[in-house]
Protein backbone atom coordinates (compact mmCIF):
# COMPACT_ATOMS: atom_id res chain seq x y z
CA MET A 1 -1.65 3.56 -4.80
CA ILE A 2 0.62 0.60 -4.15
CA ILE A 3 -0.52 -2.03 -1.65
CA GLY A 4 1.55 -4.98 -0.53
CA ILE A 5 -0.57 -7.62 1.12
CA THR A 6 0.69 -10.07 3.71
CA GLY A 7 -0.90 -12.37 6.23
CA THR A 8 -1.47 -15.88 7.31
CA ASP A 9 -2.51 -18.67 4.94
CA GLY A 10 -6.26 -18.93 4.48
CA ALA A 11 -6.91 -15.56 6.10
CA GLY A 12 -8.49 -14.09 2.97
CA LYS A 13 -5.64 -12.30 1.21
CA GLY A 14 -6.79 -13.64 -2.16
CA THR A 15 -10.35 -12.55 -1.50
CA VAL A 16 -9.14 -9.03 -0.68
CA VAL A 17 -7.02 -9.00 -3.84
CA ASP A 18 -9.96 -10.19 -5.96
CA TYR A 19 -12.16 -7.46 -4.48
CA LEU A 20 -9.59 -4.74 -5.18
CA VAL A 21 -9.12 -5.95 -8.76
CA ARG A 22 -12.83 -6.43 -9.50
CA GLU A 23 -14.34 -3.50 -7.63
CA LYS A 24 -11.54 -0.92 -7.61
CA GLY A 25 -9.57 -1.65 -10.80
CA PHE A 26 -6.28 -2.55 -9.16
CA GLU A 27 -3.56 -4.32 -11.15
CA HIS A 28 -2.54 -7.57 -9.44
CA TYR A 29 1.01 -8.89 -9.23
CA GLN A 30 1.19 -12.34 -7.65
CA ALA A 31 4.29 -13.72 -5.92
CA ARG A 32 2.91 -17.27 -6.14
CA ALA A 33 2.79 -17.04 -9.95
CA LEU A 34 6.39 -15.82 -10.11
CA ILE A 35 7.57 -18.66 -7.86
CA LEU A 36 5.50 -21.25 -9.79
CA GLU A 37 7.13 -20.08 -13.03
CA GLU A 38 10.53 -20.75 -11.47
CA ILE A 39 9.37 -24.12 -10.10
CA ALA A 40 8.25 -25.15 -13.59
CA ARG A 41 11.55 -23.96 -15.06
CA ARG A 42 13.45 -26.05 -12.51
CA GLY A 43 11.17 -29.07 -12.94
CA VAL A 44 10.49 -29.60 -9.23
CA ALA A 45 7.24 -30.39 -7.43
CA ASP A 46 4.85 -27.50 -6.83
CA ASP A 47 4.11 -28.36 -3.22
CA ARG A 48 4.29 -25.97 -0.29
CA ASN A 49 7.81 -26.99 0.73
CA GLN A 50 9.23 -26.48 -2.77
CA MET A 51 7.46 -23.11 -3.06
CA ARG A 52 9.19 -22.01 0.16
CA LEU A 53 12.58 -23.38 -0.91
CA VAL A 54 12.43 -21.89 -4.42
CA GLY A 55 11.26 -18.53 -3.02
CA ASN A 56 14.16 -18.61 -0.56
CA ASP A 57 16.57 -19.47 -3.36
CA LEU A 58 15.32 -16.62 -5.57
CA ARG A 59 15.89 -14.24 -2.67
CA ARG A 60 19.35 -15.72 -2.05
CA LEU A 61 20.30 -15.26 -5.71
CA HIS A 62 18.74 -11.83 -6.32
CA GLY A 63 18.23 -10.20 -2.90
CA ASN A 64 15.60 -10.56 -0.19
CA ASP A 65 13.38 -7.95 -1.88
CA TYR A 66 13.64 -9.53 -5.36
CA ILE A 67 9.95 -10.33 -5.77
CA ILE A 68 8.80 -6.84 -4.77
CA ARG A 69 11.46 -5.14 -6.90
CA THR A 70 10.39 -7.25 -9.87
CA PHE A 71 6.75 -6.27 -9.47
CA LEU A 72 7.45 -2.60 -8.79
CA GLU A 73 9.48 -2.50 -12.03
CA ARG A 74 6.68 -4.25 -13.96
CA ALA A 75 4.07 -1.88 -12.55
CA ARG A 76 6.19 1.13 -13.47
CA ASP A 77 6.87 -0.21 -16.98
CA GLN A 78 3.14 -0.92 -17.49
CA GLY A 79 2.09 2.48 -16.12
CA ALA A 80 -0.09 0.87 -13.44
CA LYS A 81 -1.53 3.42 -11.00
CA ASN A 82 -3.31 1.23 -8.45
CA VAL A 83 -1.31 -1.89 -7.68
CA ILE A 84 -1.82 -4.81 -5.31
CA ILE A 85 1.19 -7.09 -4.77
CA ASP A 86 0.83 -10.35 -2.91
CA SER A 87 2.29 -11.86 -0.79
CA LEU A 88 4.96 -9.99 1.17
CA ARG A 89 7.02 -12.50 3.11
CA THR A 90 10.27 -10.78 4.14
CA VAL A 91 11.20 -7.63 6.00
CA ALA A 92 13.26 -6.49 2.98
CA GLU A 93 10.16 -6.81 0.76
CA ALA A 94 8.10 -4.69 3.14
CA GLU A 95 10.88 -2.11 3.47
CA THR A 96 11.31 -1.84 -0.31
CA LEU A 97 7.57 -1.53 -0.82
CA LYS A 98 7.31 1.23 1.80
CA ALA A 99 10.33 3.05 0.36
CA ALA A 100 8.47 3.12 -2.96
CA GLY A 101 5.48 4.76 -1.25
CA GLY A 102 3.56 1.54 -0.77
CA ILE A 103 1.31 0.51 2.10
CA VAL A 104 1.46 -2.87 3.83
CA LEU A 105 -1.91 -4.47 4.50
CA ALA A 106 -2.06 -7.61 6.67
CA VAL A 107 -4.95 -10.07 6.80
CA ASP A 108 -5.33 -12.57 9.61
CA ALA A 109 -7.94 -14.96 11.04
CA ASP A 110 -8.31 -17.78 13.54
CA GLN A 111 -5.94 -20.66 12.75
CA LYS A 112 -8.57 -23.45 12.66
CA LEU A 113 -10.86 -21.34 10.47
CA ARG A 114 -7.95 -20.67 8.11
CA TYR A 115 -7.15 -24.39 7.90
CA GLU A 116 -10.78 -25.14 6.99
CA ARG A 117 -10.58 -22.51 4.25
CA VAL A 118 -7.40 -23.91 2.72
CA GLN A 119 -8.88 -27.39 2.73
CA LYS A 120 -11.81 -26.05 0.67
CA ARG A 121 -9.58 -24.39 -1.94
CA ARG A 122 -7.24 -27.41 -2.14
CA SER A 123 -4.42 -25.91 -4.19
CA SER A 124 -1.32 -28.08 -4.58
CA SER A 125 0.31 -26.36 -1.59
CA ASP A 126 -2.78 -26.76 0.62
CA GLN A 127 -2.99 -30.55 0.67
CA VAL A 128 -1.74 -30.98 4.22
CA THR A 129 -2.96 -32.19 7.59
CA PHE A 130 -3.73 -29.65 10.31
CA GLU A 131 -0.47 -30.59 12.03
CA GLN A 132 1.50 -29.97 8.81
CA PHE A 133 -0.37 -26.70 8.29
CA ARG A 134 0.54 -25.60 11.81
CA ASP A 135 4.19 -26.69 11.41
CA HIS A 136 4.55 -24.89 8.05
CA GLU A 137 3.06 -21.79 9.61
CA GLU A 138 5.54 -21.84 12.49
CA LEU A 139 8.45 -22.16 10.08
CA GLU A 140 7.12 -19.39 7.82
CA LYS A 141 6.68 -17.00 10.75
CA ASN A 142 10.44 -16.75 11.15
CA ASP A 143 12.36 -19.12 8.86
CA PRO A 144 15.95 -19.60 10.14
CA ASP A 145 17.16 -19.34 6.51
CA PRO A 146 18.39 -15.72 6.15
CA HIS A 147 16.51 -15.58 2.81
CA GLY A 148 13.41 -17.25 4.22
CA MET A 149 9.97 -16.05 5.18
CA GLN A 150 9.49 -13.76 8.15
CA LYS A 151 5.70 -13.47 8.07
CA GLN A 152 5.34 -12.48 11.71
CA LYS A 153 7.79 -9.57 11.40
CA VAL A 154 6.20 -8.43 8.13
CA MET A 155 2.74 -8.51 9.70
CA GLU A 156 4.09 -6.41 12.58
CA MET A 157 5.24 -3.85 9.96
CA ALA A 158 1.75 -3.59 8.48
CA ASP A 159 0.20 -0.15 8.20
CA HIS A 160 -3.24 -1.73 8.65
CA VAL A 161 -4.52 -5.16 9.76
CA ILE A 162 -7.84 -6.75 8.84
CA TYR A 163 -9.12 -9.66 10.93
CA ASN A 164 -11.27 -11.89 8.74
CA ASP A 165 -13.12 -14.17 11.13
CA ASN A 166 -16.65 -13.40 9.88
CA HIS A 167 -18.61 -12.98 6.65
CA MET A 168 -17.36 -11.65 3.32
CA ASP A 169 -19.55 -8.57 3.62
CA GLU A 170 -17.68 -7.62 6.78
CA LEU A 171 -14.33 -8.32 5.08
CA PHE A 172 -15.24 -6.04 2.17
CA ALA A 173 -16.46 -3.34 4.57
CA ASN A 174 -13.09 -3.52 6.32
CA VAL A 175 -11.31 -3.17 2.97
CA GLU A 176 -13.36 -0.02 2.34
CA VAL A 177 -12.32 1.35 5.75
CA PHE A 178 -8.69 0.65 4.83
CA LEU A 179 -9.05 2.41 1.46
CA LYS A 180 -10.70 5.48 3.01
CA LYS A 181 -7.84 5.71 5.49
CA PHE A 182 -5.00 5.37 2.96
CA LYS A 183 -6.18 6.04 -0.62
CA PRO A 184 -5.67 9.61 -1.76
CA ASP A 185 -8.69 11.16 -3.48
C-alpha cells in the first residue's frame, strides 16, 4: 500500500505518519528531509520561506512530481510494501502517486487550532506570528509559481479526508477507518 499524505500545517499529518510507522509498520519517506538536505547543500536558511523556494526550485529543475518520483523509486529499490510519503504539495505529485497505485490522504483541522499546534512544536519553519502563518498558508494553497505548492487542489484530489479537531484517540480511530476502506487484506 502506498499512501501520500497532504494537508494543512499543524493538522496532524506527522502524527498520522508516526502512527502508521509505529503501529502498522509503514516505511516513511519525508519530503521535508529531502528539501532540508538540499537547503544544507545550498547553505541557505532553513526557514519556511526557503523551504518553499527550494522545493519550488527542485520541481523547476526536475519536474513538478520530482519528490514523489524520488520516493517511489527509493521504495521500489528498498522493496518497501507499505509506504507513507509526506507531504504532497502539487497536483503532479498527486497524479504520479495515483498512477503508481497510491492513495492520497488529506488531514485538516481548524486554522487557529493548527497554529497553536505549530507553536508547540516550534520547528525552524514554525516560528511565525499568526498573521505570517495565515499568509504562508494562503500562498501555499495556490502558489502563483508554476512549480509551487497547490495544497488546496491536492487536498481536493484526496481519496479520503480526516478532520483532526479533537483528541488523538479519535484521530487514530479515523486512521483505522481509512485503512479498512483502502488497505487490501
